[in-house]
Amino acid sequence: MQRFGKQRLLAVLALSALLSAVPAPTLASTYKVVSNGVVLSTAQPEMVDGQLMTAVRPFAESLGYKVSYDSTSKMITVYKPGYWLTMWIGTHVAFQNDRPVWPPVKPYLKNGQAMVPAWWLAVRLGADVAYSNATLTVSNGYRPAQPAPGVNPNPRPDSPFADPTYVFPFPKGATYSPYTDTMGAARQWNGESWGHEGTDIPAPKGTPIVAVASGTIIRYGWNTLGGYRLTIELDDHPGYRFYYAHLSGYAPGLKLGSHVEKGQLLGYVGSTGEGPEGTSGRFIDHLHFGIYDPNWNAINPYPLLKYWEGNKAEL
């Protein structure tokens, strides 16, 4: 017993000597995030499960993106023209321009700020990124630009539907998330693939939807892909139709053949579709808006929506 005890003591002493010869890891009291040469003082960086976390808003805005947060759905959206990244608090689910992506740590709230993995976010936003001495450095050369005086950010499209009296499909005061041009984006369901035929506008369930233009309801009720939907043929452009899909419900009194006026309540945002009647929740709550010509060829509504966004109806 004494021989084994002596051997154990010698082993412990040898291990202690070996460890004393190896430098101890540096434990940083604080982490830093530096973007384009500027320390982000509101980034609140901290290490979670081996990932340096950062507040989304100051991080993304320093790289030239805009950020929105919906406290009801807990949805975070980072966006700029032609790009969007959507995440939700408490889940790994995230989408980048309709493509699923996966943050290694679930986003969470800290002091009212949405926190996400910094390196992952930098890569998603196309920034150069490096980490050293408890400091994460990102760069894309962005500097805030001043808009040219007198320039309309959403000029009038060359389209017969660029009517200044048409209204945006959400009324004044409605909450919705930034949206991008998703025309032609890949879609799949039930083993089939196709190109997206419209623009998706994320919004909380129950957000009111109004008629962009006056017309007659020619399709009403359930559609396997579109859920509860409405197709309205326009009064001033016979044969052309505006399509509203994935509704959670209709406004009272509407039916097939009803005539509606622009700005009139049609229904409410939902997530219905992709299944038998009543199916919902297979995707986030949003309005799918489409335009079709007399031969049912899809027309890209995105530039028109951006133009109409400056004219919203009162409800």
C-alpha atoms as a PDB file:
ATOM      1  CA  MET A   1       0.000   0.000   0.000  1.00  0.00           C
ATOM      2  CA  GLN A   2       2.809   2.407   0.852  1.00  0.00           C
ATOM      3  CA  ARG A   3       4.550   1.629  -2.486  1.00  0.00           C
ATOM      4  CA  PHE A   4       1.354   2.417  -4.465  1.00  0.00           C
ATOM      5  CA  GLY A   5       0.741   5.558  -2.414  1.00  0.00           C
ATOM      6  CA  LYS A   6       4.263   6.781  -3.101  1.00  0.00           C
ATOM      7  CA  GLN A   7       3.885   6.100  -6.831  1.00  0.00           C
ATOM      8  CA  ARG A   8       0.587   8.051  -6.904  1.00  0.00           C
ATOM      9  CA  LEU A   9       2.220  11.015  -5.133  1.00  0.00           C
ATOM     10  CA  LEU A  10       5.129  11.021  -7.602  1.00  0.00           C
ATOM     11  CA  ALA A  11       2.671  10.925 -10.523  1.00  0.00           C
ATOM     12  CA  VAL A  12       0.733  13.897  -9.137  1.00  0.00           C
ATOM     13  CA  LEU A  13       3.930  15.891  -8.626  1.00  0.00           C
ATOM     14  CA  ALA A  14       5.103  15.080 -12.171  1.00  0.00           C
ATOM     15  CA  LEU A  15       1.755  16.162 -13.644  1.00  0.00           C
ATOM     16  CA  SER A  16       1.835  19.390 -11.632  1.00  0.00           C
ATOM     17  CA  ALA A  17       5.297  20.174 -12.958  1.00  0.00           C
ATOM     18  CA  LEU A  18       4.167  19.502 -16.517  1.00  0.00           C
ATOM     19  CA  LEU A  19       1.102  21.747 -16.194  1.00  0.00           C
ATOM     20  CA  SER A  20       3.171  24.554 -14.684  1.00  0.00           C
ATOM     21  CA  ALA A  21       5.299  24.512 -17.840  1.00  0.00           C
ATOM     22  CA  VAL A  22       2.234  25.029 -20.112  1.00  0.00           C
ATOM     23  CA  PRO A  23       0.862  28.615 -20.331  1.00  0.00           C
ATOM     24  CA  ALA A  24      -2.632  28.890 -18.863  1.00  0.00           C
ATOM     25  CA  PRO A  25      -5.373  29.985 -21.275  1.00  0.00           C
ATOM     26  CA  THR A  26      -6.210  33.665 -21.179  1.00  0.00           C
ATOM     27  CA  LEU A  27      -9.639  34.224 -19.711  1.00  0.00           C
ATOM     28  CA  ALA A  28     -10.918  37.511 -21.077  1.00  0.00           C
ATOM     29  CA  SER A  29     -12.971  39.537 -18.630  1.00  0.00           C
ATOM     30  CA  THR A  30     -14.802  41.131 -21.581  1.00  0.00           C
ATOM     31  CA  TYR A  31     -15.257  40.355 -25.236  1.00  0.00           C
ATOM     32  CA  LYS A  32     -15.323  42.929 -28.003  1.00  0.00           C
ATOM     33  CA  VAL A  33     -16.908  43.194 -31.425  1.00  0.00           C
ATOM     34  CA  VAL A  34     -15.241  45.580 -33.878  1.00  0.00           C
ATOM     35  CA  SER A  35     -16.989  46.408 -37.145  1.00  0.00           C
ATOM     36  CA  ASN A  36     -15.301  48.408 -39.904  1.00  0.00           C
ATOM     37  CA  GLY A  37     -12.817  49.723 -37.348  1.00  0.00           C
ATOM     38  CA  VAL A  38     -15.400  50.775 -34.745  1.00  0.00           C
ATOM     39  CA  VAL A  39     -15.992  49.021 -31.412  1.00  0.00           C
ATOM     40  CA  LEU A  40     -19.690  48.174 -31.092  1.00  0.00           C
ATOM     41  CA  SER A  41     -20.338  49.287 -27.532  1.00  0.00           C
ATOM     42  CA  THR A  42     -23.933  48.012 -27.547  1.00  0.00           C
ATOM     43  CA  ALA A  43     -23.195  44.551 -28.972  1.00  0.00           C
ATOM     44  CA  GLN A  44     -23.200  42.905 -25.483  1.00  0.00           C
ATOM     45  CA  PRO A  45     -20.864  40.099 -26.627  1.00  0.00           C
ATOM     46  CA  GLU A  46     -20.714  36.967 -24.488  1.00  0.00           C
ATOM     47  CA  MET A  47     -19.668  33.352 -24.955  1.00  0.00           C
ATOM     48  CA  VAL A  48     -22.426  30.703 -25.029  1.00  0.00           C
ATOM     49  CA  ASP A  49     -21.764  27.039 -25.858  1.00  0.00           C
ATOM     50  CA  GLY A  50     -18.486  27.959 -27.540  1.00  0.00           C
ATOM     51  CA  GLN A  51     -20.058  30.681 -29.687  1.00  0.00           C
ATOM     52  CA  LEU A  52     -19.450  34.402 -29.268  1.00  0.00           C
ATOM     53  CA  MET A  53     -22.916  35.943 -29.235  1.00  0.00           C
ATOM     54  CA  THR A  54     -23.735  39.486 -30.318  1.00  0.00           C
ATOM     55  CA  ALA A  55     -26.758  41.760 -30.390  1.00  0.00           C
ATOM     56  CA  VAL A  56     -28.157  41.609 -33.922  1.00  0.00           C
ATOM     57  CA  ARG A  57     -29.152  45.240 -34.430  1.00  0.00           C
ATOM     58  CA  PRO A  58     -25.851  47.094 -33.847  1.00  0.00           C
ATOM     59  CA  PHE A  59     -23.917  44.323 -35.601  1.00  0.00           C
ATOM     60  CA  ALA A  60     -26.059  44.223 -38.754  1.00  0.00           C
ATOM     61  CA  GLU A  61     -26.579  47.983 -38.951  1.00  0.00           C
ATOM     62  CA  SER A  62     -22.815  48.533 -38.800  1.00  0.00           C
ATOM     63  CA  LEU A  63     -22.591  46.458 -41.997  1.00  0.00           C
ATOM     64  CA  GLY A  64     -25.251  48.450 -43.819  1.00  0.00           C
ATOM     65  CA  TYR A  65     -28.301  46.281 -43.125  1.00  0.00           C
ATOM     66  CA  LYS A  66     -31.612  47.176 -41.504  1.00  0.00           C
ATOM     67  CA  VAL A  67     -33.181  45.176 -38.693  1.00  0.00           C
ATOM     68  CA  SER A  68     -36.757  44.654 -37.530  1.00  0.00           C
ATOM     69  CA  TYR A  69     -38.137  42.671 -34.598  1.00  0.00           C
ATOM     70  CA  ASP A  70     -41.714  41.496 -34.104  1.00  0.00           C
ATOM     71  CA  SER A  71     -42.290  40.904 -30.383  1.00  0.00           C
ATOM     72  CA  THR A  72     -45.489  38.943 -31.053  1.00  0.00           C
ATOM     73  CA  SER A  73     -44.005  36.309 -33.352  1.00  0.00           C
ATOM     74  CA  LYS A  74     -40.472  36.782 -31.920  1.00  0.00           C
ATOM     75  CA  MET A  75     -39.209  37.130 -35.484  1.00  0.00           C
ATOM     76  CA  ILE A  76     -35.962  38.954 -36.279  1.00  0.00           C
ATOM     77  CA  THR A  77     -35.430  40.151 -39.845  1.00  0.00           C
ATOM     78  CA  VAL A  78     -32.156  41.524 -41.215  1.00  0.00           C
ATOM     79  CA  TYR A  79     -32.558  43.009 -44.657  1.00  0.00           C
ATOM     80  CA  LYS A  80     -31.467  45.281 -47.473  1.00  0.00           C
ATOM     81  CA  PRO A  81     -32.598  45.466 -51.122  1.00  0.00           C
ATOM     82  CA  GLY A  82     -32.530  41.976 -52.613  1.00  0.00           C
ATOM     83  CA  TYR A  83     -31.614  40.249 -49.335  1.00  0.00           C
ATOM     84  CA  TRP A  84     -33.290  39.130 -46.139  1.00  0.00           C
ATOM     85  CA  LEU A  85     -32.381  36.897 -43.220  1.00  0.00           C
ATOM     86  CA  THR A  86     -35.151  35.808 -40.856  1.00  0.00           C
ATOM     87  CA  MET A  87     -34.683  34.171 -37.442  1.00  0.00           C
ATOM     88  CA  TRP A  88     -36.873  33.461 -34.432  1.00  0.00           C
ATOM     89  CA  ILE A  89     -36.101  33.661 -30.720  1.00  0.00           C
ATOM     90  CA  GLY A  90     -35.737  30.232 -29.125  1.00  0.00           C
ATOM     91  CA  THR A  91     -35.396  28.119 -32.264  1.00  0.00           C
ATOM     92  CA  HIS A  92     -32.729  27.040 -34.741  1.00  0.00           C
ATOM     93  CA  VAL A  93     -35.105  27.765 -37.647  1.00  0.00           C
ATOM     94  CA  ALA A  94     -33.828  30.556 -39.922  1.00  0.00           C
ATOM     95  CA  PHE A  95     -34.108  31.476 -43.592  1.00  0.00           C
ATOM     96  CA  GLN A  96     -31.810  33.431 -45.881  1.00  0.00           C
ATOM     97  CA  ASN A  97     -33.664  34.511 -49.041  1.00  0.00           C
ATOM     98  CA  ASP A  98     -35.962  31.459 -48.718  1.00  0.00           C
ATOM     99  CA  ARG A  99     -33.011  29.090 -48.125  1.00  0.00           C
ATOM    100  CA  PRO A 100     -32.989  27.323 -44.732  1.00  0.00           C
ATOM    101  CA  VAL A 101     -29.951  28.130 -42.585  1.00  0.00           C
ATOM    102  CA  TRP A 102     -29.127  26.964 -39.056  1.00  0.00           C
ATOM    103  CA  PRO A 103     -27.630  29.117 -36.277  1.00  0.00           C
ATOM    104  CA  PRO A 104     -25.450  26.945 -34.010  1.00  0.00           C
ATOM    105  CA  VAL A 105     -26.989  28.554 -30.900  1.00  0.00           C
ATOM    106  CA  LYS A 106     -30.669  29.483 -30.673  1.00  0.00           C
ATOM    107  CA  PRO A 107     -31.238  33.261 -30.666  1.00  0.00           C
ATOM    108  CA  TYR A 108     -32.321  34.709 -27.318  1.00  0.00           C
ATOM    109  CA  LEU A 109     -33.083  38.082 -25.738  1.00  0.00           C
ATOM    110  CA  LYS A 110     -30.692  39.960 -23.472  1.00  0.00           C
ATOM    111  CA  ASN A 111     -31.588  43.396 -22.126  1.00  0.00           C
ATOM    112  CA  GLY A 112     -34.182  43.729 -24.861  1.00  0.00           C
ATOM    113  CA  GLN A 113     -31.718  42.861 -27.647  1.00  0.00           C
ATOM    114  CA  ALA A 114     -31.880  39.762 -29.841  1.00  0.00           C
ATOM    115  CA  MET A 115     -28.609  37.820 -29.505  1.00  0.00           C
ATOM    116  CA  VAL A 116     -27.206  35.483 -32.191  1.00  0.00           C
ATOM    117  CA  PRO A 117     -23.840  33.817 -32.929  1.00  0.00           C
ATOM    118  CA  ALA A 118     -21.572  36.584 -34.231  1.00  0.00           C
ATOM    119  CA  TRP A 119     -19.403  34.536 -36.579  1.00  0.00           C
ATOM    120  CA  TRP A 120     -22.452  32.836 -38.101  1.00  0.00           C
ATOM    121  CA  LEU A 121     -24.178  36.198 -38.616  1.00  0.00           C
ATOM    122  CA  ALA A 122     -21.076  37.732 -40.201  1.00  0.00           C
ATOM    123  CA  VAL A 123     -20.875  34.893 -42.724  1.00  0.00           C
ATOM    124  CA  ARG A 124     -24.601  35.159 -43.481  1.00  0.00           C
ATOM    125  CA  LEU A 125     -24.158  38.886 -44.157  1.00  0.00           C
ATOM    126  CA  GLY A 126     -21.139  38.385 -46.403  1.00  0.00           C
ATOM    127  CA  ALA A 127     -18.629  40.155 -44.150  1.00  0.00           C
ATOM    128  CA  ASP A 128     -14.958  39.317 -43.617  1.00  0.00           C
ATOM    129  CA  VAL A 129     -14.556  37.990 -40.083  1.00  0.00           C
ATOM    130  CA  ALA A 130     -11.698  37.115 -37.718  1.00  0.00           C
ATOM    131  CA  TYR A 131     -11.380  36.321 -34.010  1.00  0.00           C
ATOM    132  CA  SER A 132      -8.324  36.934 -31.820  1.00  0.00           C
ATOM    133  CA  ASN A 133      -7.651  37.907 -28.203  1.00  0.00           C
ATOM    134  CA  ALA A 134     -11.356  37.858 -27.276  1.00  0.00           C
ATOM    135  CA  THR A 135     -12.126  40.289 -30.109  1.00  0.00           C
ATOM    136  CA  LEU A 136     -14.262  39.476 -33.127  1.00  0.00           C
ATOM    137  CA  THR A 137     -13.519  41.759 -36.079  1.00  0.00           C
ATOM    138  CA  VAL A 138     -15.813  42.137 -39.084  1.00  0.00           C
ATOM    139  CA  SER A 139     -15.491  44.303 -42.152  1.00  0.00           C
ATOM    140  CA  ASN A 140     -17.226  44.968 -45.446  1.00  0.00           C
ATOM    141  CA  GLY A 141     -16.120  48.554 -46.003  1.00  0.00           C
ATOM    142  CA  TYR A 142     -19.644  49.883 -45.443  1.00  0.00           C
ATOM    143  CA  ARG A 143     -20.053  53.572 -44.672  1.00  0.00           C
ATOM    144  CA  PRO A 144     -23.515  55.141 -44.340  1.00  0.00           C
ATOM    145  CA  ALA A 145     -24.371  56.968 -47.550  1.00  0.00           C
ATOM    146  CA  GLN A 146     -26.438  60.119 -47.787  1.00  0.00           C
ATOM    147  CA  PRO A 147     -29.388  59.805 -50.186  1.00  0.00           C
ATOM    148  CA  ALA A 148     -29.212  62.100 -53.177  1.00  0.00           C
ATOM    149  CA  PRO A 149     -31.646  64.996 -52.777  1.00  0.00           C
ATOM    150  CA  GLY A 150     -34.862  64.588 -54.718  1.00  0.00           C
ATOM    151  CA  VAL A 151     -34.304  60.906 -55.558  1.00  0.00           C
ATOM    152  CA  ASN A 152     -37.325  58.649 -55.049  1.00  0.00           C
ATOM    153  CA  PRO A 153     -36.097  55.324 -53.552  1.00  0.00           C
ATOM    154  CA  ASN A 154     -39.103  53.557 -55.109  1.00  0.00           C
ATOM    155  CA  PRO A 155     -39.633  55.154 -58.529  1.00  0.00           C
ATOM    156  CA  ARG A 156     -42.797  54.557 -60.518  1.00  0.00           C
ATOM    157  CA  PRO A 157     -42.482  51.256 -62.426  1.00  0.00           C
ATOM    158  CA  ASP A 158     -43.143  51.083 -66.140  1.00  0.00           C
ATOM    159  CA  SER A 159     -46.430  49.216 -65.736  1.00  0.00           C
ATOM    160  CA  PRO A 160     -50.125  49.920 -66.325  1.00  0.00           C
ATOM    161  CA  PHE A 161     -50.653  48.970 -62.674  1.00  0.00           C
ATOM    162  CA  ALA A 162     -48.388  51.764 -61.415  1.00  0.00           C
ATOM    163  CA  ASP A 163     -51.515  53.730 -60.614  1.00  0.00           C
ATOM    164  CA  PRO A 164     -50.974  56.309 -57.858  1.00  0.00           C
ATOM    165  CA  THR A 165     -54.537  55.701 -56.647  1.00  0.00           C
ATOM    166  CA  TYR A 166     -53.916  51.987 -55.982  1.00  0.00           C
ATOM    167  CA  VAL A 167     -53.159  51.164 -52.348  1.00  0.00           C
ATOM    168  CA  PHE A 168     -50.761  48.863 -50.526  1.00  0.00           C
ATOM    169  CA  PRO A 169     -52.440  45.587 -49.411  1.00  0.00           C
ATOM    170  CA  PHE A 170     -51.890  46.463 -45.730  1.00  0.00           C
ATOM    171  CA  PRO A 171     -53.620  49.574 -44.341  1.00  0.00           C
ATOM    172  CA  LYS A 172     -52.093  52.441 -42.391  1.00  0.00           C
ATOM    173  CA  GLY A 173     -50.827  51.353 -38.990  1.00  0.00           C
ATOM    174  CA  ALA A 174     -50.489  47.669 -39.906  1.00  0.00           C
ATOM    175  CA  THR A 175     -47.345  45.891 -38.763  1.00  0.00           C
ATOM    176  CA  TYR A 176     -45.399  43.879 -41.313  1.00  0.00           C
ATOM    177  CA  SER A 177     -41.807  42.831 -41.893  1.00  0.00           C
ATOM    178  CA  PRO A 178     -39.478  43.896 -44.688  1.00  0.00           C
ATOM    179  CA  TYR A 179     -39.983  41.934 -47.885  1.00  0.00           C
ATOM    180  CA  THR A 180     -37.865  41.234 -50.938  1.00  0.00           C
ATOM    181  CA  ASP A 181     -38.330  40.226 -54.553  1.00  0.00           C
ATOM    182  CA  THR A 182     -39.144  36.499 -54.341  1.00  0.00           C
ATOM    183  CA  MET A 183     -40.500  36.137 -57.886  1.00  0.00           C
ATOM    184  CA  GLY A 184     -39.160  32.915 -59.396  1.00  0.00           C
ATOM    185  CA  ALA A 185     -37.647  31.650 -56.134  1.00  0.00           C
ATOM    186  CA  ALA A 186     -37.601  27.852 -55.901  1.00  0.00           C
ATOM    187  CA  ARG A 187     -40.632  26.286 -54.236  1.00  0.00           C
ATOM    188  CA  GLN A 188     -41.256  22.615 -53.439  1.00  0.00           C
ATOM    189  CA  TRP A 189     -44.241  20.705 -52.150  1.00  0.00           C
ATOM    190  CA  ASN A 190     -45.419  17.108 -52.388  1.00  0.00           C
ATOM    191  CA  GLY A 191     -42.477  16.151 -54.602  1.00  0.00           C
ATOM    192  CA  GLU A 192     -43.036  18.945 -57.116  1.00  0.00           C
ATOM    193  CA  SER A 193     -40.924  22.051 -57.755  1.00  0.00           C
ATOM    194  CA  TRP A 194     -41.831  25.372 -59.357  1.00  0.00           C
ATOM    195  CA  GLY A 195     -40.885  29.033 -59.437  1.00  0.00           C
ATOM    196  CA  HIS A 196     -42.590  31.359 -56.977  1.00  0.00           C
ATOM    197  CA  GLU A 197     -45.307  33.450 -58.647  1.00  0.00           C
ATOM    198  CA  GLY A 198     -45.501  36.492 -56.430  1.00  0.00           C
ATOM    199  CA  THR A 199     -44.169  38.384 -53.434  1.00  0.00           C
ATOM    200  CA  ASP A 200     -44.393  37.209 -49.810  1.00  0.00           C
ATOM    201  CA  ILE A 201     -44.862  39.882 -47.134  1.00  0.00           C
ATOM    202  CA  PRO A 202     -44.368  38.520 -43.579  1.00  0.00           C
ATOM    203  CA  ALA A 203     -46.840  39.928 -41.058  1.00  0.00           C
ATOM    204  CA  PRO A 204     -48.419  38.829 -37.766  1.00  0.00           C
ATOM    205  CA  LYS A 205     -51.425  36.543 -37.976  1.00  0.00           C
ATOM    206  CA  GLY A 206     -54.628  38.574 -38.134  1.00  0.00           C
ATOM    207  CA  THR A 207     -53.094  41.613 -39.839  1.00  0.00           C
ATOM    208  CA  PRO A 208     -55.847  43.141 -42.022  1.00  0.00           C
ATOM    209  CA  ILE A 209     -55.530  42.838 -45.803  1.00  0.00           C
ATOM    210  CA  VAL A 210     -57.211  45.351 -48.104  1.00  0.00           C
ATOM    211  CA  ALA A 211     -57.950  45.405 -51.828  1.00  0.00           C
ATOM    212  CA  VAL A 212     -55.202  47.091 -53.828  1.00  0.00           C
ATOM    213  CA  ALA A 213     -57.684  47.982 -56.574  1.00  0.00           C
ATOM    214  CA  SER A 214     -61.403  47.667 -57.241  1.00  0.00           C
ATOM    215  CA  GLY A 215     -62.735  44.554 -58.928  1.00  0.00           C
ATOM    216  CA  THR A 216     -64.806  41.386 -58.764  1.00  0.00           C
ATOM    217  CA  ILE A 217     -63.995  38.214 -56.821  1.00  0.00           C
ATOM    218  CA  ILE A 218     -63.636  35.418 -59.387  1.00  0.00           C
ATOM    219  CA  ARG A 219     -62.049  32.821 -57.098  1.00  0.00           C
ATOM    220  CA  TYR A 220     -62.863  32.357 -53.435  1.00  0.00           C
ATOM    221  CA  GLY A 221     -62.287  29.655 -50.831  1.00  0.00           C
ATOM    222  CA  TRP A 222     -59.699  26.954 -50.284  1.00  0.00           C
ATOM    223  CA  ASN A 223     -56.798  26.224 -52.623  1.00  0.00           C
ATOM    224  CA  THR A 224     -54.409  23.339 -51.879  1.00  0.00           C
ATOM    225  CA  LEU A 225     -51.297  25.514 -52.124  1.00  0.00           C
ATOM    226  CA  GLY A 226     -52.716  28.974 -51.424  1.00  0.00           C
ATOM    227  CA  GLY A 227     -54.986  28.060 -48.531  1.00  0.00           C
ATOM    228  CA  TYR A 228     -57.838  30.510 -48.069  1.00  0.00           C
ATOM    229  CA  ARG A 229     -57.382  32.898 -50.956  1.00  0.00           C
ATOM    230  CA  LEU A 230     -59.060  35.511 -53.141  1.00  0.00           C
ATOM    231  CA  THR A 231     -58.585  36.278 -56.819  1.00  0.00           C
ATOM    232  CA  ILE A 232     -59.979  39.636 -57.932  1.00  0.00           C
ATOM    233  CA  GLU A 233     -60.373  40.660 -61.576  1.00  0.00           C
ATOM    234  CA  LEU A 234     -59.715  44.374 -61.976  1.00  0.00           C
ATOM    235  CA  ASP A 235     -62.371  46.847 -63.070  1.00  0.00           C
ATOM    236  CA  ASP A 236     -59.964  49.084 -64.962  1.00  0.00           C
ATOM    237  CA  HIS A 237     -57.888  46.269 -66.527  1.00  0.00           C
ATOM    238  CA  PRO A 238     -60.358  43.507 -67.531  1.00  0.00           C
ATOM    239  CA  GLY A 239     -58.791  40.062 -67.615  1.00  0.00           C
ATOM    240  CA  TYR A 240     -55.997  40.977 -65.188  1.00  0.00           C
ATOM    241  CA  ARG A 241     -56.192  39.584 -61.674  1.00  0.00           C
ATOM    242  CA  PHE A 242     -54.736  40.322 -58.243  1.00  0.00           C
ATOM    243  CA  TYR A 243     -54.248  37.276 -56.014  1.00  0.00           C
ATOM    244  CA  TYR A 244     -54.199  37.264 -52.176  1.00  0.00           C
ATOM    245  CA  ALA A 245     -53.275  33.958 -50.479  1.00  0.00           C
ATOM    246  CA  HIS A 246     -52.711  32.149 -47.154  1.00  0.00           C
ATOM    247  CA  LEU A 247     -55.433  34.125 -45.346  1.00  0.00           C
ATOM    248  CA  SER A 248     -56.495  33.110 -41.832  1.00  0.00           C
ATOM    249  CA  GLY A 249     -60.031  34.337 -42.539  1.00  0.00           C
ATOM    250  CA  TYR A 250     -62.221  36.481 -44.776  1.00  0.00           C
ATOM    251  CA  ALA A 251     -63.959  39.778 -44.135  1.00  0.00           C
ATOM    252  CA  PRO A 252     -67.700  39.325 -43.455  1.00  0.00           C
ATOM    253  CA  GLY A 253     -70.012  39.375 -46.447  1.00  0.00           C
ATOM    254  CA  LEU A 254     -67.524  38.430 -49.147  1.00  0.00           C
ATOM    255  CA  LYS A 255     -68.326  35.623 -51.573  1.00  0.00           C
ATOM    256  CA  LEU A 256     -67.709  34.525 -55.138  1.00  0.00           C
ATOM    257  CA  GLY A 257     -68.932  37.301 -57.426  1.00  0.00           C
ATOM    258  CA  SER A 258     -68.750  40.056 -54.792  1.00  0.00           C
ATOM    259  CA  HIS A 259     -67.553  43.439 -55.979  1.00  0.00           C
ATOM    260  CA  VAL A 260     -64.911  45.122 -53.805  1.00  0.00           C
ATOM    261  CA  GLU A 261     -63.551  48.650 -53.756  1.00  0.00           C
ATOM    262  CA  LYS A 262     -59.877  49.506 -53.380  1.00  0.00           C
ATOM    263  CA  GLY A 263     -59.004  49.844 -49.716  1.00  0.00           C
ATOM    264  CA  GLN A 264     -61.870  47.550 -48.683  1.00  0.00           C
ATOM    265  CA  LEU A 265     -61.121  44.900 -46.053  1.00  0.00           C
ATOM    266  CA  LEU A 266     -60.681  41.474 -47.670  1.00  0.00           C
ATOM    267  CA  GLY A 267     -59.433  39.305 -44.822  1.00  0.00           C
ATOM    268  CA  TYR A 268     -56.548  38.636 -42.487  1.00  0.00           C
ATOM    269  CA  VAL A 269     -52.977  37.349 -42.707  1.00  0.00           C
ATOM    270  CA  GLY A 270     -52.391  33.707 -41.885  1.00  0.00           C
ATOM    271  CA  SER A 271     -50.359  30.625 -42.797  1.00  0.00           C
ATOM    272  CA  THR A 272     -52.981  28.444 -44.470  1.00  0.00           C
ATOM    273  CA  GLY A 273     -52.227  26.143 -47.383  1.00  0.00           C
ATOM    274  CA  GLU A 274     -50.069  23.266 -48.610  1.00  0.00           C
ATOM    275  CA  GLY A 275     -52.602  20.621 -47.706  1.00  0.00           C
ATOM    276  CA  PRO A 276     -56.299  19.802 -47.300  1.00  0.00           C
ATOM    277  CA  GLU A 277     -58.701  22.504 -46.156  1.00  0.00           C
ATOM    278  CA  GLY A 278     -57.799  23.866 -42.743  1.00  0.00           C
ATOM    279  CA  THR A 279     -54.057  23.127 -43.015  1.00  0.00           C
ATOM    280  CA  SER A 280     -51.968  25.908 -41.482  1.00  0.00           C
ATOM    281  CA  GLY A 281     -48.619  26.530 -39.863  1.00  0.00           C
ATOM    282  CA  ARG A 282     -46.449  24.864 -42.513  1.00  0.00           C
ATOM    283  CA  PHE A 283     -44.700  28.224 -42.988  1.00  0.00           C
ATOM    284  CA  ILE A 284     -44.640  31.613 -41.309  1.00  0.00           C
ATOM    285  CA  ASP A 285     -47.636  33.951 -41.334  1.00  0.00           C
ATOM    286  CA  HIS A 286     -47.521  36.136 -44.439  1.00  0.00           C
ATOM    287  CA  LEU A 287     -49.480  37.516 -47.361  1.00  0.00           C
ATOM    288  CA  HIS A 288     -48.678  36.067 -50.764  1.00  0.00           C
ATOM    289  CA  PHE A 289     -49.587  38.677 -53.384  1.00  0.00           C
ATOM    290  CA  GLY A 290     -49.616  37.827 -57.075  1.00  0.00           C
ATOM    291  CA  ILE A 291     -50.612  39.388 -60.395  1.00  0.00           C
ATOM    292  CA  TYR A 292     -51.828  37.413 -63.421  1.00  0.00           C
ATOM    293  CA  ASP A 293     -52.536  38.407 -67.004  1.00  0.00           C
ATOM    294  CA  PRO A 294     -55.564  37.153 -69.024  1.00  0.00           C
ATOM    295  CA  ASN A 295     -53.643  33.945 -69.887  1.00  0.00           C
ATOM    296  CA  TRP A 296     -52.739  33.335 -66.232  1.00  0.00           C
ATOM    297  CA  ASN A 297     -49.097  34.217 -66.758  1.00  0.00           C
ATOM    298  CA  ALA A 298     -47.572  35.584 -63.560  1.00  0.00           C
ATOM    299  CA  ILE A 299     -46.332  39.193 -63.446  1.00  0.00           C
ATOM    300  CA  ASN A 300     -43.741  40.249 -60.860  1.00  0.00           C
ATOM    301  CA  PRO A 301     -45.576  42.397 -58.265  1.00  0.00           C
ATOM    302  CA  TYR A 302     -42.527  43.423 -56.227  1.00  0.00           C
ATOM    303  CA  PRO A 303     -41.704  46.797 -57.867  1.00  0.00           C
ATOM    304  CA  LEU A 304     -45.398  47.685 -57.824  1.00  0.00           C
ATOM    305  CA  LEU A 305     -45.738  46.830 -54.139  1.00  0.00           C
ATOM    306  CA  LYS A 306     -42.775  49.069 -53.335  1.00  0.00           C
ATOM    307  CA  TYR A 307     -44.445  51.847 -55.315  1.00  0.00           C
ATOM    308  CA  TRP A 308     -47.882  51.338 -53.708  1.00  0.00           C
ATOM    309  CA  GLU A 309     -46.272  51.207 -50.260  1.00  0.00           C
ATOM    310  CA  GLY A 310     -46.360  54.990 -50.244  1.00  0.00           C
ATOM    311  CA  ASN A 311     -50.163  54.949 -50.469  1.00  0.00           C
ATOM    312  CA  LYS A 312     -51.987  53.096 -47.676  1.00  0.00           C
ATOM    313  CA  ALA A 313     -55.713  53.021 -47.042  1.00  0.00           C
ATOM    314  CA  GLU A 314     -57.449  53.993 -43.812  1.00  0.00           C
ATOM    315  CA  LEU A 315     -59.573  51.319 -42.165  1.00  0.00           C
END
